[in-house]
Amino acid sequence: MIAILSAGIAPIVALMSFIYLKDRITEPLPIIVRTFISGTLLVFPIMFIQYAITTEHVSDSSFIESFFQIALFEEFFKWFIFMFLIYNHPEFDNHYDGIVYAVSISLGFASVENILYLLTNGIEYAFLRAFFPVSSHALFGIIMGFYLGKAKMSKQNRKLNIALAFLFPFMLHGTYNFILKSYSQTSSWFYLLIPFMIVLWIVALQRMKAANDSYLNSYENDKETFLL
């Protein structure tokens, strides 16, 4: 049991630490803990909804299941929790903050999901789980947080960026699930998912850099205004 909990939590801690330490102005830990716990609590209502849909045999389509039974619910609820808890919070005051808080919610969700999976299927899946599902949740969170941070820091296209903060993670998550659902019976899923994850990492790291650069640019502009 302790081994499974350790294996389930270790990649969560590593990814959250990486995202947190990249922040040029670190966020208060109590708020991060609060958003993380909120993410963990999302697992149970989402699992109930997904179980009910599966029981009713709404659709046998891999596309419908991947995008609308899994990705839609998971990314919408993560986006909703962010908007409800964080978007108007005074500590959400620079672009990169959106990434920190969105990843915290996403990894909170991923932590419970990961532990439940390892308890059911065994610790031997811990490495693959860390590399694929856990990492993907963090990367979807980075992209969500990037657009929410952009919306918060600029009035230009604010509503569009809030919408994109949901739509991009939803589409990426659905694509990830569709690859697994469609090719899980063959080795093809591995050769499709590896490039997908590499591209996702590249995009996410670029978004992190852009969010941090926007803070530096605003800081330099404020400093110049003060000196004038």
C-alpha atoms as a PDB file:
ATOM      1  CA  MET A   1       0.000   0.000   0.000  1.00  0.00           C
ATOM      2  CA  ILE A   2       2.786   2.461   0.967  1.00  0.00           C
ATOM      3  CA  ALA A   3       4.689   1.538  -2.202  1.00  0.00           C
ATOM      4  CA  ILE A   4       1.646   2.240  -4.371  1.00  0.00           C
ATOM      5  CA  LEU A   5       0.965   5.563  -2.653  1.00  0.00           C
ATOM      6  CA  SER A   6       4.614   6.566  -3.086  1.00  0.00           C
ATOM      7  CA  ALA A   7       4.675   5.521  -6.741  1.00  0.00           C
ATOM      8  CA  GLY A   8       1.378   7.318  -7.337  1.00  0.00           C
ATOM      9  CA  ILE A   9       2.374  10.574  -5.664  1.00  0.00           C
ATOM     10  CA  ALA A  10       6.068  10.822  -6.698  1.00  0.00           C
ATOM     11  CA  PRO A  11       5.474  12.061 -10.281  1.00  0.00           C
ATOM     12  CA  ILE A  12       2.827  14.492  -8.988  1.00  0.00           C
ATOM     13  CA  VAL A  13       5.301  16.049  -6.547  1.00  0.00           C
ATOM     14  CA  ALA A  14       8.042  16.176  -9.187  1.00  0.00           C
ATOM     15  CA  LEU A  15       5.865  17.889 -11.798  1.00  0.00           C
ATOM     16  CA  MET A  16       4.294  20.330  -9.325  1.00  0.00           C
ATOM     17  CA  SER A  17       7.729  21.256  -7.970  1.00  0.00           C
ATOM     18  CA  PHE A  18       9.042  21.843 -11.490  1.00  0.00           C
ATOM     19  CA  ILE A  19       6.133  24.155 -12.378  1.00  0.00           C
ATOM     20  CA  TYR A  20       6.208  25.947  -9.015  1.00  0.00           C
ATOM     21  CA  LEU A  21       9.958  26.624  -9.049  1.00  0.00           C
ATOM     22  CA  LYS A  22       9.781  28.073 -12.563  1.00  0.00           C
ATOM     23  CA  ASP A  23       7.608  30.878 -11.188  1.00  0.00           C
ATOM     24  CA  ARG A  24       9.596  34.089 -10.809  1.00  0.00           C
ATOM     25  CA  ILE A  25       7.325  35.118  -7.926  1.00  0.00           C
ATOM     26  CA  THR A  26       6.249  32.017  -6.019  1.00  0.00           C
ATOM     27  CA  GLU A  27       2.606  31.687  -5.060  1.00  0.00           C
ATOM     28  CA  PRO A  28       1.343  31.127  -1.482  1.00  0.00           C
ATOM     29  CA  LEU A  29       1.452  27.431  -0.627  1.00  0.00           C
ATOM     30  CA  PRO A  30      -1.935  27.428   1.195  1.00  0.00           C
ATOM     31  CA  ILE A  31      -3.678  28.487  -2.032  1.00  0.00           C
ATOM     32  CA  ILE A  32      -1.815  25.851  -4.036  1.00  0.00           C
ATOM     33  CA  VAL A  33      -2.820  23.218  -1.479  1.00  0.00           C
ATOM     34  CA  ARG A  34      -6.420  24.433  -1.681  1.00  0.00           C
ATOM     35  CA  THR A  35      -6.511  24.184  -5.481  1.00  0.00           C
ATOM     36  CA  PHE A  36      -4.791  20.781  -5.360  1.00  0.00           C
ATOM     37  CA  ILE A  37      -7.384  19.423  -2.913  1.00  0.00           C
ATOM     38  CA  SER A  38     -10.156  20.852  -5.084  1.00  0.00           C
ATOM     39  CA  GLY A  39      -8.693  18.875  -7.975  1.00  0.00           C
ATOM     40  CA  THR A  40      -8.669  15.669  -5.933  1.00  0.00           C
ATOM     41  CA  LEU A  41     -12.335  16.116  -5.021  1.00  0.00           C
ATOM     42  CA  LEU A  42     -13.304  16.426  -8.675  1.00  0.00           C
ATOM     43  CA  VAL A  43     -12.451  12.781  -9.302  1.00  0.00           C
ATOM     44  CA  PHE A  44     -15.481  11.359  -7.518  1.00  0.00           C
ATOM     45  CA  PRO A  45     -18.354  13.271  -9.172  1.00  0.00           C
ATOM     46  CA  ILE A  46     -16.687  12.871 -12.577  1.00  0.00           C
ATOM     47  CA  MET A  47     -16.232   9.124 -12.029  1.00  0.00           C
ATOM     48  CA  PHE A  48     -19.906   8.863 -11.040  1.00  0.00           C
ATOM     49  CA  ILE A  49     -21.050  10.696 -14.186  1.00  0.00           C
ATOM     50  CA  GLN A  50     -18.782   8.631 -16.423  1.00  0.00           C
ATOM     51  CA  TYR A  51     -19.923   5.399 -14.771  1.00  0.00           C
ATOM     52  CA  ALA A  52     -23.583   6.365 -15.277  1.00  0.00           C
ATOM     53  CA  ILE A  53     -22.989   7.126 -18.963  1.00  0.00           C
ATOM     54  CA  THR A  54     -21.123   3.828 -19.433  1.00  0.00           C
ATOM     55  CA  THR A  55     -23.896   1.883 -17.702  1.00  0.00           C
ATOM     56  CA  GLU A  56     -26.512   3.431 -19.961  1.00  0.00           C
ATOM     57  CA  HIS A  57     -24.476   2.463 -23.061  1.00  0.00           C
ATOM     58  CA  VAL A  58     -24.983   5.901 -24.562  1.00  0.00           C
ATOM     59  CA  SER A  59     -22.438   5.236 -27.322  1.00  0.00           C
ATOM     60  CA  ASP A  60     -19.886   2.636 -28.358  1.00  0.00           C
ATOM     61  CA  SER A  61     -17.938   5.141 -30.450  1.00  0.00           C
ATOM     62  CA  SER A  62     -14.302   5.626 -29.415  1.00  0.00           C
ATOM     63  CA  PHE A  63     -14.532   9.228 -30.607  1.00  0.00           C
ATOM     64  CA  ILE A  64     -17.604  10.028 -28.493  1.00  0.00           C
ATOM     65  CA  GLU A  65     -16.151   8.296 -25.442  1.00  0.00           C
ATOM     66  CA  SER A  66     -12.731   9.946 -25.794  1.00  0.00           C
ATOM     67  CA  PHE A  67     -13.919  13.487 -26.369  1.00  0.00           C
ATOM     68  CA  PHE A  68     -17.326  13.772 -24.732  1.00  0.00           C
ATOM     69  CA  GLN A  69     -17.406  11.130 -22.015  1.00  0.00           C
ATOM     70  CA  ILE A  70     -13.879  11.696 -20.699  1.00  0.00           C
ATOM     71  CA  ALA A  71     -12.182  14.876 -21.956  1.00  0.00           C
ATOM     72  CA  LEU A  72     -15.241  17.131 -21.874  1.00  0.00           C
ATOM     73  CA  PHE A  73     -16.155  16.430 -18.251  1.00  0.00           C
ATOM     74  CA  GLU A  74     -12.612  16.390 -16.883  1.00  0.00           C
ATOM     75  CA  GLU A  75     -11.398  19.578 -18.575  1.00  0.00           C
ATOM     76  CA  PHE A  76     -14.648  21.479 -18.065  1.00  0.00           C
ATOM     77  CA  PHE A  77     -14.717  20.801 -14.325  1.00  0.00           C
ATOM     78  CA  LYS A  78     -11.041  21.731 -13.944  1.00  0.00           C
ATOM     79  CA  TRP A  79     -11.693  24.954 -15.882  1.00  0.00           C
ATOM     80  CA  PHE A  80     -14.823  25.659 -13.812  1.00  0.00           C
ATOM     81  CA  ILE A  81     -12.994  25.178 -10.491  1.00  0.00           C
ATOM     82  CA  PHE A  82     -10.292  27.587 -11.652  1.00  0.00           C
ATOM     83  CA  MET A  83     -12.838  30.201 -12.658  1.00  0.00           C
ATOM     84  CA  PHE A  84     -14.758  29.758  -9.401  1.00  0.00           C
ATOM     85  CA  LEU A  85     -11.840  29.658  -6.952  1.00  0.00           C
ATOM     86  CA  ILE A  86      -8.926  31.469  -8.545  1.00  0.00           C
ATOM     87  CA  TYR A  87      -9.758  33.761 -11.428  1.00  0.00           C
ATOM     88  CA  ASN A  88     -10.841  36.693  -9.240  1.00  0.00           C
ATOM     89  CA  HIS A  89      -8.465  35.906  -6.365  1.00  0.00           C
ATOM     90  CA  PRO A  90      -6.078  38.783  -5.519  1.00  0.00           C
ATOM     91  CA  GLU A  91      -3.076  36.423  -5.590  1.00  0.00           C
ATOM     92  CA  PHE A  92      -3.742  35.736  -9.263  1.00  0.00           C
ATOM     93  CA  ASP A  93      -1.853  38.815 -10.362  1.00  0.00           C
ATOM     94  CA  ASN A  94       0.535  37.770 -13.132  1.00  0.00           C
ATOM     95  CA  HIS A  95       0.446  35.630 -16.246  1.00  0.00           C
ATOM     96  CA  TYR A  96       2.421  32.645 -14.926  1.00  0.00           C
ATOM     97  CA  ASP A  97       0.163  32.349 -11.856  1.00  0.00           C
ATOM     98  CA  GLY A  98      -2.512  30.920 -14.144  1.00  0.00           C
ATOM     99  CA  ILE A  99      -0.191  28.044 -15.030  1.00  0.00           C
ATOM    100  CA  VAL A 100       0.693  27.305 -11.391  1.00  0.00           C
ATOM    101  CA  TYR A 101      -2.919  27.151 -10.226  1.00  0.00           C
ATOM    102  CA  ALA A 102      -4.275  25.278 -13.267  1.00  0.00           C
ATOM    103  CA  VAL A 103      -1.532  22.656 -12.955  1.00  0.00           C
ATOM    104  CA  SER A 104      -2.258  22.342  -9.227  1.00  0.00           C
ATOM    105  CA  ILE A 105      -5.917  21.554  -9.954  1.00  0.00           C
ATOM    106  CA  SER A 106      -4.966  19.159 -12.759  1.00  0.00           C
ATOM    107  CA  LEU A 107      -2.389  17.294 -10.682  1.00  0.00           C
ATOM    108  CA  GLY A 108      -4.790  17.069  -7.761  1.00  0.00           C
ATOM    109  CA  PHE A 109      -7.169  15.267 -10.093  1.00  0.00           C
ATOM    110  CA  ALA A 110      -4.360  13.142 -11.555  1.00  0.00           C
ATOM    111  CA  SER A 111      -3.094  12.095  -8.107  1.00  0.00           C
ATOM    112  CA  VAL A 112      -6.333  10.375  -7.052  1.00  0.00           C
ATOM    113  CA  GLU A 113      -6.911   8.931 -10.519  1.00  0.00           C
ATOM    114  CA  ASN A 114      -3.357   7.546 -10.553  1.00  0.00           C
ATOM    115  CA  ILE A 115      -3.508   5.980  -7.100  1.00  0.00           C
ATOM    116  CA  LEU A 116      -6.886   4.363  -7.812  1.00  0.00           C
ATOM    117  CA  TYR A 117      -5.521   2.915 -11.046  1.00  0.00           C
ATOM    118  CA  LEU A 118      -2.396   1.514  -9.371  1.00  0.00           C
ATOM    119  CA  LEU A 119      -4.467   0.030  -6.541  1.00  0.00           C
ATOM    120  CA  THR A 120      -6.662  -1.716  -9.091  1.00  0.00           C
ATOM    121  CA  ASN A 121      -4.066  -2.792 -11.659  1.00  0.00           C
ATOM    122  CA  GLY A 122      -0.763  -2.983  -9.807  1.00  0.00           C
ATOM    123  CA  ILE A 123       2.377  -0.955  -9.183  1.00  0.00           C
ATOM    124  CA  GLU A 124       4.064  -2.280 -12.341  1.00  0.00           C
ATOM    125  CA  TYR A 125       2.148   0.371 -14.316  1.00  0.00           C
ATOM    126  CA  ALA A 126       3.568   3.245 -12.248  1.00  0.00           C
ATOM    127  CA  PHE A 127       6.250   4.266 -14.779  1.00  0.00           C
ATOM    128  CA  LEU A 128       3.906   4.334 -17.779  1.00  0.00           C
ATOM    129  CA  ARG A 129       1.293   6.169 -15.739  1.00  0.00           C
ATOM    130  CA  ALA A 130       3.831   8.813 -14.726  1.00  0.00           C
ATOM    131  CA  PHE A 131       5.029   9.356 -18.286  1.00  0.00           C
ATOM    132  CA  PHE A 132       1.639   9.404 -20.004  1.00  0.00           C
ATOM    133  CA  PRO A 133      -1.570  10.155 -18.008  1.00  0.00           C
ATOM    134  CA  VAL A 134       0.003  12.102 -15.130  1.00  0.00           C
ATOM    135  CA  SER A 135       2.266  14.160 -17.393  1.00  0.00           C
ATOM    136  CA  SER A 136      -0.554  14.809 -19.848  1.00  0.00           C
ATOM    137  CA  HIS A 137      -2.798  16.201 -17.096  1.00  0.00           C
ATOM    138  CA  ALA A 138      -0.001  18.583 -16.085  1.00  0.00           C
ATOM    139  CA  LEU A 139       0.562  19.657 -19.706  1.00  0.00           C
ATOM    140  CA  PHE A 140      -3.152  20.249 -20.292  1.00  0.00           C
ATOM    141  CA  GLY A 141      -3.082  22.332 -17.104  1.00  0.00           C
ATOM    142  CA  ILE A 142      -0.171  24.431 -18.404  1.00  0.00           C
ATOM    143  CA  ILE A 143      -2.065  25.253 -21.579  1.00  0.00           C
ATOM    144  CA  MET A 144      -5.259  26.010 -19.668  1.00  0.00           C
ATOM    145  CA  GLY A 145      -3.396  28.231 -17.218  1.00  0.00           C
ATOM    146  CA  PHE A 146      -1.544  30.056 -19.979  1.00  0.00           C
ATOM    147  CA  TYR A 147      -4.757  31.267 -21.593  1.00  0.00           C
ATOM    148  CA  LEU A 148      -6.435  32.064 -18.272  1.00  0.00           C
ATOM    149  CA  GLY A 149      -3.366  34.074 -17.272  1.00  0.00           C
ATOM    150  CA  LYS A 150      -3.474  35.850 -20.623  1.00  0.00           C
ATOM    151  CA  ALA A 151      -7.154  36.642 -20.085  1.00  0.00           C
ATOM    152  CA  LYS A 152      -6.508  37.981 -16.587  1.00  0.00           C
ATOM    153  CA  MET A 153      -3.586  40.210 -17.580  1.00  0.00           C
ATOM    154  CA  SER A 154      -5.068  41.741 -20.727  1.00  0.00           C
ATOM    155  CA  LYS A 155      -8.537  43.024 -21.576  1.00  0.00           C
ATOM    156  CA  GLN A 156      -7.876  42.362 -25.260  1.00  0.00           C
ATOM    157  CA  ASN A 157      -9.689  39.199 -26.406  1.00  0.00           C
ATOM    158  CA  ARG A 158     -10.432  38.303 -22.778  1.00  0.00           C
ATOM    159  CA  LYS A 159     -13.543  36.241 -23.478  1.00  0.00           C
ATOM    160  CA  LEU A 160     -11.805  34.436 -26.335  1.00  0.00           C
ATOM    161  CA  ASN A 161      -8.830  33.508 -24.133  1.00  0.00           C
ATOM    162  CA  ILE A 162     -11.136  32.237 -21.381  1.00  0.00           C
ATOM    163  CA  ALA A 163     -12.870  30.054 -23.974  1.00  0.00           C
ATOM    164  CA  LEU A 164      -9.550  28.843 -25.419  1.00  0.00           C
ATOM    165  CA  ALA A 165      -8.434  27.901 -21.892  1.00  0.00           C
ATOM    166  CA  PHE A 166     -11.109  25.227 -21.997  1.00  0.00           C
ATOM    167  CA  LEU A 167     -11.191  24.363 -25.709  1.00  0.00           C
ATOM    168  CA  PHE A 168      -7.484  23.630 -26.244  1.00  0.00           C
ATOM    169  CA  PRO A 169      -7.100  21.262 -23.253  1.00  0.00           C
ATOM    170  CA  PHE A 170     -10.398  19.610 -24.190  1.00  0.00           C
ATOM    171  CA  MET A 171      -9.268  18.953 -27.774  1.00  0.00           C
ATOM    172  CA  LEU A 172      -5.801  17.772 -26.720  1.00  0.00           C
ATOM    173  CA  HIS A 173      -7.196  15.527 -23.988  1.00  0.00           C
ATOM    174  CA  GLY A 174      -9.738  14.076 -26.394  1.00  0.00           C
ATOM    175  CA  THR A 175      -7.025  13.381 -28.967  1.00  0.00           C
ATOM    176  CA  TYR A 176      -4.869  11.692 -26.328  1.00  0.00           C
ATOM    177  CA  ASN A 177      -7.763   9.459 -25.276  1.00  0.00           C
ATOM    178  CA  PHE A 178      -8.747   8.702 -28.864  1.00  0.00           C
ATOM    179  CA  ILE A 179      -5.241   7.443 -29.681  1.00  0.00           C
ATOM    180  CA  LEU A 180      -5.376   5.102 -26.689  1.00  0.00           C
ATOM    181  CA  LYS A 181      -8.936   3.919 -27.334  1.00  0.00           C
ATOM    182  CA  SER A 182      -8.427   3.336 -31.051  1.00  0.00           C
ATOM    183  CA  TYR A 183      -5.032   1.640 -30.964  1.00  0.00           C
ATOM    184  CA  SER A 184      -4.839   0.048 -27.502  1.00  0.00           C
ATOM    185  CA  GLN A 185      -5.097  -3.468 -28.981  1.00  0.00           C
ATOM    186  CA  THR A 186      -1.912  -2.982 -31.029  1.00  0.00           C
ATOM    187  CA  SER A 187       1.522  -1.470 -30.475  1.00  0.00           C
ATOM    188  CA  SER A 188       0.578   1.482 -32.697  1.00  0.00           C
ATOM    189  CA  TRP A 189      -0.623   3.535 -29.721  1.00  0.00           C
ATOM    190  CA  PHE A 190       2.954   3.786 -28.462  1.00  0.00           C
ATOM    191  CA  TYR A 191       4.332   5.114 -31.763  1.00  0.00           C
ATOM    192  CA  LEU A 192       1.512   7.639 -32.040  1.00  0.00           C
ATOM    193  CA  LEU A 193       1.459   8.755 -28.424  1.00  0.00           C
ATOM    194  CA  ILE A 194       5.221   9.339 -28.062  1.00  0.00           C
ATOM    195  CA  PRO A 195       5.326  12.039 -30.793  1.00  0.00           C
ATOM    196  CA  PHE A 196       2.081  13.505 -29.447  1.00  0.00           C
ATOM    197  CA  MET A 197       3.600  13.809 -25.949  1.00  0.00           C
ATOM    198  CA  ILE A 198       6.851  15.280 -27.271  1.00  0.00           C
ATOM    199  CA  VAL A 199       4.975  17.970 -29.197  1.00  0.00           C
ATOM    200  CA  LEU A 200       2.776  18.602 -26.145  1.00  0.00           C
ATOM    201  CA  TRP A 201       5.860  19.071 -23.939  1.00  0.00           C
ATOM    202  CA  ILE A 202       7.433  21.469 -26.450  1.00  0.00           C
ATOM    203  CA  VAL A 203       4.251  23.563 -26.675  1.00  0.00           C
ATOM    204  CA  ALA A 204       3.797  23.569 -22.884  1.00  0.00           C
ATOM    205  CA  LEU A 205       7.406  24.656 -22.232  1.00  0.00           C
ATOM    206  CA  GLN A 206       7.029  27.428 -24.789  1.00  0.00           C
ATOM    207  CA  ARG A 207       3.847  28.590 -23.045  1.00  0.00           C
ATOM    208  CA  MET A 208       5.647  28.603 -19.684  1.00  0.00           C
ATOM    209  CA  LYS A 209       8.468  30.715 -21.111  1.00  0.00           C
ATOM    210  CA  ALA A 210       6.035  33.106 -22.775  1.00  0.00           C
ATOM    211  CA  ALA A 211       4.095  33.557 -19.513  1.00  0.00           C
ATOM    212  CA  ASN A 212       7.284  34.308 -17.584  1.00  0.00           C
ATOM    213  CA  ASP A 213       8.521  36.650 -20.316  1.00  0.00           C
ATOM    214  CA  SER A 214       5.262  38.595 -20.180  1.00  0.00           C
ATOM    215  CA  TYR A 215       5.900  39.230 -16.477  1.00  0.00           C
ATOM    216  CA  LEU A 216       9.423  40.479 -17.199  1.00  0.00           C
ATOM    217  CA  ASN A 217       8.133  42.766 -19.936  1.00  0.00           C
ATOM    218  CA  SER A 218       5.457  44.247 -17.686  1.00  0.00           C
ATOM    219  CA  TYR A 219       8.029  44.676 -14.904  1.00  0.00           C
ATOM    220  CA  GLU A 220      10.390  46.558 -17.223  1.00  0.00           C
ATOM    221  CA  ASN A 221       7.536  48.771 -18.446  1.00  0.00           C
ATOM    222  CA  ASP A 222       6.502  49.563 -14.865  1.00  0.00           C
ATOM    223  CA  LYS A 223      10.094  50.384 -13.959  1.00  0.00           C
ATOM    224  CA  GLU A 224      10.460  52.727 -16.926  1.00  0.00           C
ATOM    225  CA  THR A 225       7.190  54.472 -16.026  1.00  0.00           C
ATOM    226  CA  PHE A 226       8.386  54.921 -12.441  1.00  0.00           C
ATOM    227  CA  LEU A 227      11.721  56.410 -13.580  1.00  0.00           C
ATOM    228  CA  LEU A 228       9.967  58.835 -15.895  1.00  0.00           C
END
